[in-house]
Amino acid sequence: MPIIPYPILQAYCRQVKAFFRPWTFLWSNAILSEVNPNVERSLNSKFSGCNGKYGEAKIAGLYTFWIAKLKPAFSLEGGRVVNERLAFSVGFSYIRERLSIDICLNAEEMENVHNTLRYHTSSPHTMMHLYEGWIERERLRCENVQLKKELERLQSS
């Protein structure tokens, strides 16, 4: 099962914390340790027909959903979307590690997804579909860049 081992999940959180300095936050290890069991339960109950072949978008979506739902982090400066930032950062890190794809969102997109996850009803399926769309968009961007380079090479020869 492609679950993130707990020490690696903690390492993702430390990376996120270092990235967002001076925006300082802490997290509860007790609550964070509940993320994996919830992801596993979701996979076993809702996706048992997948025969263990879960896409990376599903896993990233489940981690994003459960971290935002359980809210293991708290800001020392009163930041209001700390768990949402942490949740998406863990999901993005998982995609980067598994697929070597960097999901790039502009500031407006990030604010929109943070606010959606915080203030609106969302489900694991919503998060999975977001990741599927982002992964496809990044793949198309990469193909587009390669096609432009190839076209430039052909035009220059």
Foldseek 3Di string as FASTA:
>chain_A
DPFDPLVVLVVLLVVLQVVPPVFHKDFDSVLSVVLRVQLVVCCVPVVVVVVPDDDLLLNLLSQLLSQLVSVGMDTPVRDDLVSNSSSNSSSQVSCCVPPVFHQDDDPVVSVVSSCCSNPHDDDSVNSSVVSVVSVVVRVVVVVVVVVVVVVVVVVVD
